[in-house]
Amino acid sequence: MAPNKLKKDAPLNIQGYTVLQVKPTVRSNVCHCMYLREHSAAVPRAEWPQGRTLIVHNIPPYCNEENVRLLFKECGDIIRVYLQSKPSSKPIVQSQFLPTSSEKGVQIAYVVFRKPGGVKNACNMVYDKERLLSDANTPIIAGLRAYIKEYEDSVTDVDALEKSAEEFMAQYYKKKDEEIKREKEMEGVPDEDGFIKVTRHGKNKGLRRTEETEKRGHEHIRSRKKKNELKDFYVFQYRETKRKHIAELQAKFEDDKKKVKEMKIARKFRPY
């Protein structure tokens, strides 16, 4: 599909995307192109509301959320910016305590505006106007400063990690308490199909699934299999078992002879 004929002070559209020229700083001599359009998905997400979410492709690796906000601040009030390495059906949330990939490339941003007019204003941005990704308050961090910042971010804050773990466990226990309460309320109550779900809160609670109970269960299964196993089912199995039994008797006889001989030498053998 050929691009639309470009008019002065008009947006440049290529295959449904609006093209923007951007520069990292005022001193930059080379422009970088970004491609944006209104985000649409088959399955809507609450984080990316329809009509108020803008998807932006080909964002430079040195850009962060603040640089993206600076670029689109004239279009409308921005609620949140989701900056990711690749497109996805739902937001990719990277934990601050997990290591990030050292390979960095162009990024994708999902910009959520407060009003639908923000997306329209962004898609109507003209191509001829060069825009900056940084200013005095929002600088571009690149080069050695970027490596220093990456190292500082990689150092784990123990207090923050402990706080995050406590919050996670508090939410987990709260969820478990709600599930137990819901199971107790539904105890003995048939569902839509007329079945009654058996839970650990009824008369037959069953065993709690622990390492000890699982071990006992495995031992019971092994003993039952061994009991039901067919021994000497084939002729060669019977012959092999008989041969082993004779060999054991012979070995035991030789041991007894040796013991009798030793007792005779020690004069401790009293047959009568």
C-alpha atoms as a PDB file:
ATOM      1  CA  MET A   1       0.000   0.000   0.000  1.00  0.00           C
ATOM      2  CA  ALA A   2       1.536   3.302  -1.088  1.00  0.00           C
ATOM      3  CA  PRO A   3       1.720   6.149   1.425  1.00  0.00           C
ATOM      4  CA  ASN A   4      -0.702   9.050   1.146  1.00  0.00           C
ATOM      5  CA  LYS A   5       0.449  12.122  -0.729  1.00  0.00           C
ATOM      6  CA  LEU A   6       2.074  14.328   1.898  1.00  0.00           C
ATOM      7  CA  LYS A   7       0.668  17.813   2.289  1.00  0.00           C
ATOM      8  CA  LYS A   8       2.215  20.657   4.213  1.00  0.00           C
ATOM      9  CA  ASP A   9       1.358  20.598   7.936  1.00  0.00           C
ATOM     10  CA  ALA A  10      -0.376  17.231   7.516  1.00  0.00           C
ATOM     11  CA  PRO A  11       0.298  13.836   9.090  1.00  0.00           C
ATOM     12  CA  LEU A  12       2.098  11.155   7.102  1.00  0.00           C
ATOM     13  CA  ASN A  13       0.177   7.852   7.119  1.00  0.00           C
ATOM     14  CA  ILE A  14       1.742   4.577   5.964  1.00  0.00           C
ATOM     15  CA  GLN A  15      -0.404   1.421   6.133  1.00  0.00           C
ATOM     16  CA  GLY A  16      -2.532   2.857   8.919  1.00  0.00           C
ATOM     17  CA  TYR A  17       0.403   4.178  10.962  1.00  0.00           C
ATOM     18  CA  THR A  18       1.229   7.840  11.564  1.00  0.00           C
ATOM     19  CA  VAL A  19       4.946   8.565  11.105  1.00  0.00           C
ATOM     20  CA  LEU A  20       6.758  11.004  13.405  1.00  0.00           C
ATOM     21  CA  GLN A  21      10.231  12.493  13.189  1.00  0.00           C
ATOM     22  CA  VAL A  22      11.981  12.726  16.555  1.00  0.00           C
ATOM     23  CA  LYS A  23      15.410  13.738  17.820  1.00  0.00           C
ATOM     24  CA  PRO A  24      17.059  12.617  21.076  1.00  0.00           C
ATOM     25  CA  THR A  25      18.430  16.092  21.878  1.00  0.00           C
ATOM     26  CA  VAL A  26      18.670  19.549  20.316  1.00  0.00           C
ATOM     27  CA  ARG A  27      22.242  18.890  19.218  1.00  0.00           C
ATOM     28  CA  SER A  28      21.302  15.725  17.299  1.00  0.00           C
ATOM     29  CA  ASN A  29      21.653  15.927  13.521  1.00  0.00           C
ATOM     30  CA  VAL A  30      19.810  12.710  12.649  1.00  0.00           C
ATOM     31  CA  CYS A  31      16.074  12.138  13.025  1.00  0.00           C
ATOM     32  CA  HIS A  32      14.492   8.914  14.197  1.00  0.00           C
ATOM     33  CA  CYS A  33      11.090   7.734  12.905  1.00  0.00           C
ATOM     34  CA  MET A  34       8.334   6.337  15.101  1.00  0.00           C
ATOM     35  CA  TYR A  35       5.101   4.691  13.977  1.00  0.00           C
ATOM     36  CA  LEU A  36       1.887   4.994  15.953  1.00  0.00           C
ATOM     37  CA  ARG A  37      -1.796   4.208  15.701  1.00  0.00           C
ATOM     38  CA  GLU A  38      -4.806   3.562  17.907  1.00  0.00           C
ATOM     39  CA  HIS A  39      -4.492   0.251  19.733  1.00  0.00           C
ATOM     40  CA  SER A  40      -7.170  -2.335  19.038  1.00  0.00           C
ATOM     41  CA  ALA A  41      -7.415  -5.905  20.294  1.00  0.00           C
ATOM     42  CA  ALA A  42      -9.814  -8.821  19.854  1.00  0.00           C
ATOM     43  CA  VAL A  43      -9.970  -9.256  23.636  1.00  0.00           C
ATOM     44  CA  PRO A  44     -10.095  -5.845  25.377  1.00  0.00           C
ATOM     45  CA  ARG A  45      -7.975  -5.310  28.468  1.00  0.00           C
ATOM     46  CA  ALA A  46      -8.877  -3.056  31.389  1.00  0.00           C
ATOM     47  CA  GLU A  47      -5.309  -1.703  31.390  1.00  0.00           C
ATOM     48  CA  TRP A  48      -5.566  -0.728  27.701  1.00  0.00           C
ATOM     49  CA  PRO A  49      -9.086   0.732  27.236  1.00  0.00           C
ATOM     50  CA  GLN A  50     -10.430   0.869  23.698  1.00  0.00           C
ATOM     51  CA  GLY A  51     -10.333   4.312  22.099  1.00  0.00           C
ATOM     52  CA  ARG A  52      -7.939   5.741  24.716  1.00  0.00           C
ATOM     53  CA  THR A  53      -4.806   3.630  24.094  1.00  0.00           C
ATOM     54  CA  LEU A  54      -2.085   4.534  21.594  1.00  0.00           C
ATOM     55  CA  ILE A  55       0.521   1.996  20.442  1.00  0.00           C
ATOM     56  CA  VAL A  56       3.910   3.387  19.402  1.00  0.00           C
ATOM     57  CA  HIS A  57       6.520   1.315  17.531  1.00  0.00           C
ATOM     58  CA  ASN A  58      10.267   1.761  16.950  1.00  0.00           C
ATOM     59  CA  ILE A  59      11.084   3.601  20.169  1.00  0.00           C
ATOM     60  CA  PRO A  60      14.870   3.893  20.695  1.00  0.00           C
ATOM     61  CA  PRO A  61      16.413   1.701  23.425  1.00  0.00           C
ATOM     62  CA  TYR A  62      17.664   4.715  25.394  1.00  0.00           C
ATOM     63  CA  CYS A  63      14.130   6.072  25.907  1.00  0.00           C
ATOM     64  CA  ASN A  64      12.166   5.609  29.114  1.00  0.00           C
ATOM     65  CA  GLU A  65       8.570   6.315  30.115  1.00  0.00           C
ATOM     66  CA  GLU A  66       9.285   9.955  30.932  1.00  0.00           C
ATOM     67  CA  ASN A  67      10.678  10.570  27.432  1.00  0.00           C
ATOM     68  CA  VAL A  68       7.537   9.058  25.900  1.00  0.00           C
ATOM     69  CA  ARG A  69       5.347  11.246  28.122  1.00  0.00           C
ATOM     70  CA  LEU A  70       7.290  14.303  27.015  1.00  0.00           C
ATOM     71  CA  LEU A  71       6.725  13.436  23.354  1.00  0.00           C
ATOM     72  CA  PHE A  72       2.932  13.157  23.680  1.00  0.00           C
ATOM     73  CA  LYS A  73       2.225  15.617  26.511  1.00  0.00           C
ATOM     74  CA  GLU A  74       0.699  18.151  24.083  1.00  0.00           C
ATOM     75  CA  CYS A  75      -1.872  15.579  22.883  1.00  0.00           C
ATOM     76  CA  GLY A  76      -3.679  15.187  26.200  1.00  0.00           C
ATOM     77  CA  ASP A  77      -3.504  14.009  29.797  1.00  0.00           C
ATOM     78  CA  ILE A  78      -1.602  10.689  29.988  1.00  0.00           C
ATOM     79  CA  ILE A  79      -2.628   8.189  32.677  1.00  0.00           C
ATOM     80  CA  ARG A  80       0.114   5.613  32.190  1.00  0.00           C
ATOM     81  CA  VAL A  81       2.794   4.446  29.748  1.00  0.00           C
ATOM     82  CA  TYR A  82       3.571   0.737  29.317  1.00  0.00           C
ATOM     83  CA  LEU A  83       7.047   0.393  27.788  1.00  0.00           C
ATOM     84  CA  GLN A  84       7.849  -3.122  26.525  1.00  0.00           C
ATOM     85  CA  SER A  85      10.372  -4.910  24.344  1.00  0.00           C
ATOM     86  CA  LYS A  86       7.704  -6.556  22.156  1.00  0.00           C
ATOM     87  CA  PRO A  87       3.929  -6.479  21.538  1.00  0.00           C
ATOM     88  CA  SER A  88       1.696  -8.585  23.781  1.00  0.00           C
ATOM     89  CA  SER A  89      -1.952  -9.285  24.513  1.00  0.00           C
ATOM     90  CA  LYS A  90      -1.563  -7.992  28.083  1.00  0.00           C
ATOM     91  CA  PRO A  91       0.924  -5.739  29.887  1.00  0.00           C
ATOM     92  CA  ILE A  92       4.314  -7.305  30.594  1.00  0.00           C
ATOM     93  CA  VAL A  93       5.178  -6.402  34.187  1.00  0.00           C
ATOM     94  CA  GLN A  94       8.879  -6.802  34.956  1.00  0.00           C
ATOM     95  CA  SER A  95       9.727  -7.248  38.619  1.00  0.00           C
ATOM     96  CA  GLN A  96      12.347  -4.851  39.954  1.00  0.00           C
ATOM     97  CA  PHE A  97      14.034  -7.739  41.795  1.00  0.00           C
ATOM     98  CA  LEU A  98      14.467 -10.001  38.744  1.00  0.00           C
ATOM     99  CA  PRO A  99      17.393  -9.561  36.328  1.00  0.00           C
ATOM    100  CA  THR A 100      16.582  -7.953  33.001  1.00  0.00           C
ATOM    101  CA  SER A 101      17.934  -8.993  29.631  1.00  0.00           C
ATOM    102  CA  SER A 102      21.252  -7.406  28.675  1.00  0.00           C
ATOM    103  CA  GLU A 103      20.211  -7.290  24.999  1.00  0.00           C
ATOM    104  CA  LYS A 104      18.420  -4.018  24.305  1.00  0.00           C
ATOM    105  CA  GLY A 105      16.712  -2.999  21.101  1.00  0.00           C
ATOM    106  CA  VAL A 106      13.835  -0.873  19.893  1.00  0.00           C
ATOM    107  CA  GLN A 107      10.820  -0.795  22.175  1.00  0.00           C
ATOM    108  CA  ILE A 108       7.047  -0.564  21.977  1.00  0.00           C
ATOM    109  CA  ALA A 109       4.920   1.737  24.118  1.00  0.00           C
ATOM    110  CA  TYR A 110       1.229   1.582  25.015  1.00  0.00           C
ATOM    111  CA  VAL A 111       0.188   5.121  25.968  1.00  0.00           C
ATOM    112  CA  VAL A 112      -3.123   5.381  27.835  1.00  0.00           C
ATOM    113  CA  PHE A 113      -4.821   8.801  27.679  1.00  0.00           C
ATOM    114  CA  ARG A 114      -7.515  10.056  30.020  1.00  0.00           C
ATOM    115  CA  LYS A 115      -9.785  11.021  27.109  1.00  0.00           C
ATOM    116  CA  PRO A 116     -10.213   9.585  23.573  1.00  0.00           C
ATOM    117  CA  GLY A 117      -9.165  12.928  22.117  1.00  0.00           C
ATOM    118  CA  GLY A 118      -5.574  12.240  23.150  1.00  0.00           C
ATOM    119  CA  VAL A 119      -5.286   9.331  20.709  1.00  0.00           C
ATOM    120  CA  LYS A 120      -6.807  11.388  17.887  1.00  0.00           C
ATOM    121  CA  ASN A 121      -4.469  14.304  18.546  1.00  0.00           C
ATOM    122  CA  ALA A 122      -1.462  11.944  18.524  1.00  0.00           C
ATOM    123  CA  CYS A 123      -2.510  10.346  15.231  1.00  0.00           C
ATOM    124  CA  ASN A 124      -2.919  13.830  13.686  1.00  0.00           C
ATOM    125  CA  MET A 125       0.609  14.970  14.581  1.00  0.00           C
ATOM    126  CA  VAL A 126       2.337  16.349  11.477  1.00  0.00           C
ATOM    127  CA  TYR A 127       5.397  14.744   9.952  1.00  0.00           C
ATOM    128  CA  ASP A 128       7.401  17.878   9.048  1.00  0.00           C
ATOM    129  CA  LYS A 129       7.718  19.076  12.635  1.00  0.00           C
ATOM    130  CA  GLU A 130      10.751  17.686  14.430  1.00  0.00           C
ATOM    131  CA  ARG A 131      10.086  16.770  18.055  1.00  0.00           C
ATOM    132  CA  LEU A 132      12.492  16.189  20.920  1.00  0.00           C
ATOM    133  CA  LEU A 133      12.573  13.233  23.274  1.00  0.00           C
ATOM    134  CA  SER A 134      14.353  15.161  26.035  1.00  0.00           C
ATOM    135  CA  ASP A 135      14.544  18.541  27.728  1.00  0.00           C
ATOM    136  CA  ALA A 136      16.252  20.019  30.766  1.00  0.00           C
ATOM    137  CA  ASN A 137      13.953  18.169  33.179  1.00  0.00           C
ATOM    138  CA  THR A 138      13.802  14.890  31.207  1.00  0.00           C
ATOM    139  CA  PRO A 139      17.295  14.095  29.892  1.00  0.00           C
ATOM    140  CA  ILE A 140      18.312  11.154  27.748  1.00  0.00           C
ATOM    141  CA  ILE A 141      20.516   8.754  29.714  1.00  0.00           C
ATOM    142  CA  ALA A 142      22.942   7.031  27.335  1.00  0.00           C
ATOM    143  CA  GLY A 143      26.555   5.943  27.107  1.00  0.00           C
ATOM    144  CA  LEU A 144      28.531   5.577  30.336  1.00  0.00           C
ATOM    145  CA  ARG A 145      25.746   7.121  32.428  1.00  0.00           C
ATOM    146  CA  ALA A 146      23.355   4.439  31.161  1.00  0.00           C
ATOM    147  CA  TYR A 147      25.753   1.671  32.237  1.00  0.00           C
ATOM    148  CA  ILE A 148      26.165   3.266  35.680  1.00  0.00           C
ATOM    149  CA  LYS A 149      22.398   3.572  36.119  1.00  0.00           C
ATOM    150  CA  GLU A 150      21.894  -0.028  34.970  1.00  0.00           C
ATOM    151  CA  TYR A 151      24.410  -1.199  37.563  1.00  0.00           C
ATOM    152  CA  GLU A 152      22.762   0.846  40.314  1.00  0.00           C
ATOM    153  CA  ASP A 153      19.357  -0.558  39.398  1.00  0.00           C
ATOM    154  CA  SER A 154      20.738  -4.120  39.459  1.00  0.00           C
ATOM    155  CA  VAL A 155      21.709  -3.809  43.149  1.00  0.00           C
ATOM    156  CA  THR A 156      18.819  -5.309  45.117  1.00  0.00           C
ATOM    157  CA  ASP A 157      17.299  -3.246  47.899  1.00  0.00           C
ATOM    158  CA  VAL A 158      16.880  -5.769  50.723  1.00  0.00           C
ATOM    159  CA  ASP A 159      14.289  -3.684  52.588  1.00  0.00           C
ATOM    160  CA  ALA A 160      12.189  -3.218  49.463  1.00  0.00           C
ATOM    161  CA  LEU A 161      12.465  -6.938  48.658  1.00  0.00           C
ATOM    162  CA  GLU A 162      11.336  -7.870  52.174  1.00  0.00           C
ATOM    163  CA  LYS A 163       8.413  -5.441  51.968  1.00  0.00           C
ATOM    164  CA  SER A 164       7.376  -6.834  48.574  1.00  0.00           C
ATOM    165  CA  ALA A 165       7.526 -10.410  49.902  1.00  0.00           C
ATOM    166  CA  GLU A 166       5.413  -9.504  52.930  1.00  0.00           C
ATOM    167  CA  GLU A 167       2.805  -7.822  50.723  1.00  0.00           C
ATOM    168  CA  PHE A 168       2.689 -10.845  48.437  1.00  0.00           C
ATOM    169  CA  MET A 169       2.242 -13.282  51.344  1.00  0.00           C
ATOM    170  CA  ALA A 170      -0.438 -11.061  52.893  1.00  0.00           C
ATOM    171  CA  GLN A 171      -2.396 -11.128  49.625  1.00  0.00           C
ATOM    172  CA  TYR A 172      -1.891 -14.907  49.370  1.00  0.00           C
ATOM    173  CA  TYR A 173      -3.211 -15.585  52.883  1.00  0.00           C
ATOM    174  CA  LYS A 174      -6.130 -13.235  52.286  1.00  0.00           C
ATOM    175  CA  LYS A 175      -7.009 -15.126  49.107  1.00  0.00           C
ATOM    176  CA  LYS A 176      -6.739 -18.488  50.887  1.00  0.00           C
ATOM    177  CA  ASP A 177      -8.991 -17.291  53.730  1.00  0.00           C
ATOM    178  CA  GLU A 178     -11.587 -16.173  51.190  1.00  0.00           C
ATOM    179  CA  GLU A 179     -11.443 -19.574  49.462  1.00  0.00           C
ATOM    180  CA  ILE A 180     -11.856 -21.430  52.783  1.00  0.00           C
ATOM    181  CA  LYS A 181     -14.768 -19.206  53.752  1.00  0.00           C
ATOM    182  CA  ARG A 182     -16.414 -19.775  50.362  1.00  0.00           C
ATOM    183  CA  GLU A 183     -15.919 -23.569  50.657  1.00  0.00           C
ATOM    184  CA  LYS A 184     -17.489 -23.586  54.112  1.00  0.00           C
ATOM    185  CA  GLU A 185     -20.465 -21.641  52.821  1.00  0.00           C
ATOM    186  CA  MET A 186     -20.927 -24.071  49.902  1.00  0.00           C
ATOM    187  CA  GLU A 187     -20.483 -27.189  52.093  1.00  0.00           C
ATOM    188  CA  GLY A 188     -23.373 -29.579  51.470  1.00  0.00           C
ATOM    189  CA  VAL A 189     -24.921 -27.263  48.853  1.00  0.00           C
ATOM    190  CA  PRO A 190     -25.352 -28.878  45.400  1.00  0.00           C
ATOM    191  CA  ASP A 191     -24.141 -26.987  42.353  1.00  0.00           C
ATOM    192  CA  GLU A 192     -26.030 -26.324  39.103  1.00  0.00           C
ATOM    193  CA  ASP A 193     -25.652 -29.954  37.987  1.00  0.00           C
ATOM    194  CA  GLY A 194     -26.798 -31.321  41.354  1.00  0.00           C
ATOM    195  CA  PHE A 195     -23.362 -32.492  42.553  1.00  0.00           C
ATOM    196  CA  ILE A 196     -21.994 -31.777  46.026  1.00  0.00           C
ATOM    197  CA  LYS A 197     -18.312 -30.937  46.146  1.00  0.00           C
ATOM    198  CA  VAL A 198     -16.308 -32.821  48.780  1.00  0.00           C
ATOM    199  CA  THR A 199     -14.040 -30.480  50.740  1.00  0.00           C
ATOM    200  CA  ARG A 200     -11.714 -30.783  53.732  1.00  0.00           C
ATOM    201  CA  HIS A 201     -14.235 -28.937  55.834  1.00  0.00           C
ATOM    202  CA  GLY A 202     -16.892 -31.679  55.742  1.00  0.00           C
ATOM    203  CA  LYS A 203     -17.204 -34.953  57.672  1.00  0.00           C
ATOM    204  CA  ASN A 204     -14.769 -36.818  55.416  1.00  0.00           C
ATOM    205  CA  LYS A 205     -11.954 -34.307  55.338  1.00  0.00           C
ATOM    206  CA  GLY A 206      -9.368 -36.677  53.921  1.00  0.00           C
ATOM    207  CA  LEU A 207      -5.630 -36.322  54.471  1.00  0.00           C
ATOM    208  CA  ARG A 208      -3.689 -33.139  54.058  1.00  0.00           C
ATOM    209  CA  ARG A 209      -1.333 -33.360  51.113  1.00  0.00           C
ATOM    210  CA  THR A 210       2.101 -33.309  52.693  1.00  0.00           C
ATOM    211  CA  GLU A 211       5.420 -34.969  51.917  1.00  0.00           C
ATOM    212  CA  GLU A 212       4.854 -37.640  54.572  1.00  0.00           C
ATOM    213  CA  THR A 213       1.377 -38.622  53.343  1.00  0.00           C
ATOM    214  CA  GLU A 214       2.591 -38.770  49.733  1.00  0.00           C
ATOM    215  CA  LYS A 215       5.498 -41.012  50.792  1.00  0.00           C
ATOM    216  CA  ARG A 216       3.132 -43.388  52.617  1.00  0.00           C
ATOM    217  CA  GLY A 217       0.847 -43.454  49.607  1.00  0.00           C
ATOM    218  CA  HIS A 218       3.715 -44.374  47.276  1.00  0.00           C
ATOM    219  CA  GLU A 219       4.844 -47.152  49.644  1.00  0.00           C
ATOM    220  CA  HIS A 220       1.311 -48.558  49.764  1.00  0.00           C
ATOM    221  CA  ILE A 221       1.126 -48.607  45.966  1.00  0.00           C
ATOM    222  CA  ARG A 222       4.512 -50.366  45.702  1.00  0.00           C
ATOM    223  CA  SER A 223       3.551 -53.018  48.277  1.00  0.00           C
ATOM    224  CA  ARG A 224       0.271 -53.672  46.517  1.00  0.00           C
ATOM    225  CA  LYS A 225       2.017 -54.090  43.170  1.00  0.00           C
ATOM    226  CA  LYS A 226       4.555 -56.437  44.721  1.00  0.00           C
ATOM    227  CA  LYS A 227       1.791 -58.510  46.298  1.00  0.00           C
ATOM    228  CA  ASN A 228      -0.093 -58.860  43.031  1.00  0.00           C
ATOM    229  CA  GLU A 229       3.032 -59.623  41.036  1.00  0.00           C
ATOM    230  CA  LEU A 230       3.062 -63.074  39.426  1.00  0.00           C
ATOM    231  CA  LYS A 231       6.141 -65.032  40.516  1.00  0.00           C
ATOM    232  CA  ASP A 232       7.598 -67.893  38.497  1.00  0.00           C
ATOM    233  CA  PHE A 233       4.958 -67.451  35.849  1.00  0.00           C
ATOM    234  CA  TYR A 234       7.239 -68.726  33.090  1.00  0.00           C
ATOM    235  CA  VAL A 235       9.309 -71.945  33.119  1.00  0.00           C
ATOM    236  CA  PHE A 236      12.631 -70.144  32.881  1.00  0.00           C
ATOM    237  CA  GLN A 237      11.644 -68.003  35.899  1.00  0.00           C
ATOM    238  CA  TYR A 238      10.865 -71.144  37.917  1.00  0.00           C
ATOM    239  CA  ARG A 239      14.204 -72.751  36.940  1.00  0.00           C
ATOM    240  CA  GLU A 240      16.123 -69.572  37.763  1.00  0.00           C
ATOM    241  CA  THR A 241      14.465 -69.303  41.192  1.00  0.00           C
ATOM    242  CA  LYS A 242      15.207 -72.973  41.931  1.00  0.00           C
ATOM    243  CA  ARG A 243      18.838 -72.580  40.875  1.00  0.00           C
ATOM    244  CA  LYS A 244      19.264 -69.555  43.132  1.00  0.00           C
ATOM    245  CA  HIS A 245      17.695 -71.403  46.059  1.00  0.00           C
ATOM    246  CA  ILE A 246      20.085 -74.387  45.634  1.00  0.00           C
ATOM    247  CA  ALA A 247      23.035 -72.023  45.391  1.00  0.00           C
ATOM    248  CA  GLU A 248      21.980 -70.318  48.626  1.00  0.00           C
ATOM    249  CA  LEU A 249      21.644 -73.695  50.412  1.00  0.00           C
ATOM    250  CA  GLN A 250      25.091 -74.776  49.230  1.00  0.00           C
ATOM    251  CA  ALA A 251      26.632 -71.500  50.383  1.00  0.00           C
ATOM    252  CA  LYS A 252      24.949 -71.847  53.769  1.00  0.00           C
ATOM    253  CA  PHE A 253      26.167 -75.484  54.067  1.00  0.00           C
ATOM    254  CA  GLU A 254      29.729 -74.433  53.366  1.00  0.00           C
ATOM    255  CA  ASP A 255      29.478 -71.671  55.993  1.00  0.00           C
ATOM    256  CA  ASP A 256      28.193 -74.166  58.575  1.00  0.00           C
ATOM    257  CA  LYS A 257      31.045 -76.604  57.790  1.00  0.00           C
ATOM    258  CA  LYS A 258      33.540 -73.798  58.261  1.00  0.00           C
ATOM    259  CA  LYS A 259      32.005 -72.834  61.610  1.00  0.00           C
ATOM    260  CA  VAL A 260      32.077 -76.487  62.842  1.00  0.00           C
ATOM    261  CA  LYS A 261      35.718 -76.790  61.859  1.00  0.00           C
ATOM    262  CA  GLU A 262      36.614 -73.614  63.742  1.00  0.00           C
ATOM    263  CA  MET A 263      34.733 -74.819  66.826  1.00  0.00           C
ATOM    264  CA  LYS A 264      36.581 -78.213  66.725  1.00  0.00           C
ATOM    265  CA  ILE A 265      39.901 -76.428  66.627  1.00  0.00           C
ATOM    266  CA  ALA A 266      38.870 -74.285  69.599  1.00  0.00           C
ATOM    267  CA  ARG A 267      37.624 -77.472  71.388  1.00  0.00           C
ATOM    268  CA  LYS A 268      34.282 -75.982  72.001  1.00  0.00           C
ATOM    269  CA  PHE A 269      32.321 -78.437  69.908  1.00  0.00           C
ATOM    270  CA  ARG A 270      30.294 -80.882  72.095  1.00  0.00           C
ATOM    271  CA  PRO A 271      28.139 -83.067  69.795  1.00  0.00           C
ATOM    272  CA  TYR A 272      27.222 -85.510  72.704  1.00  0.00           C
END
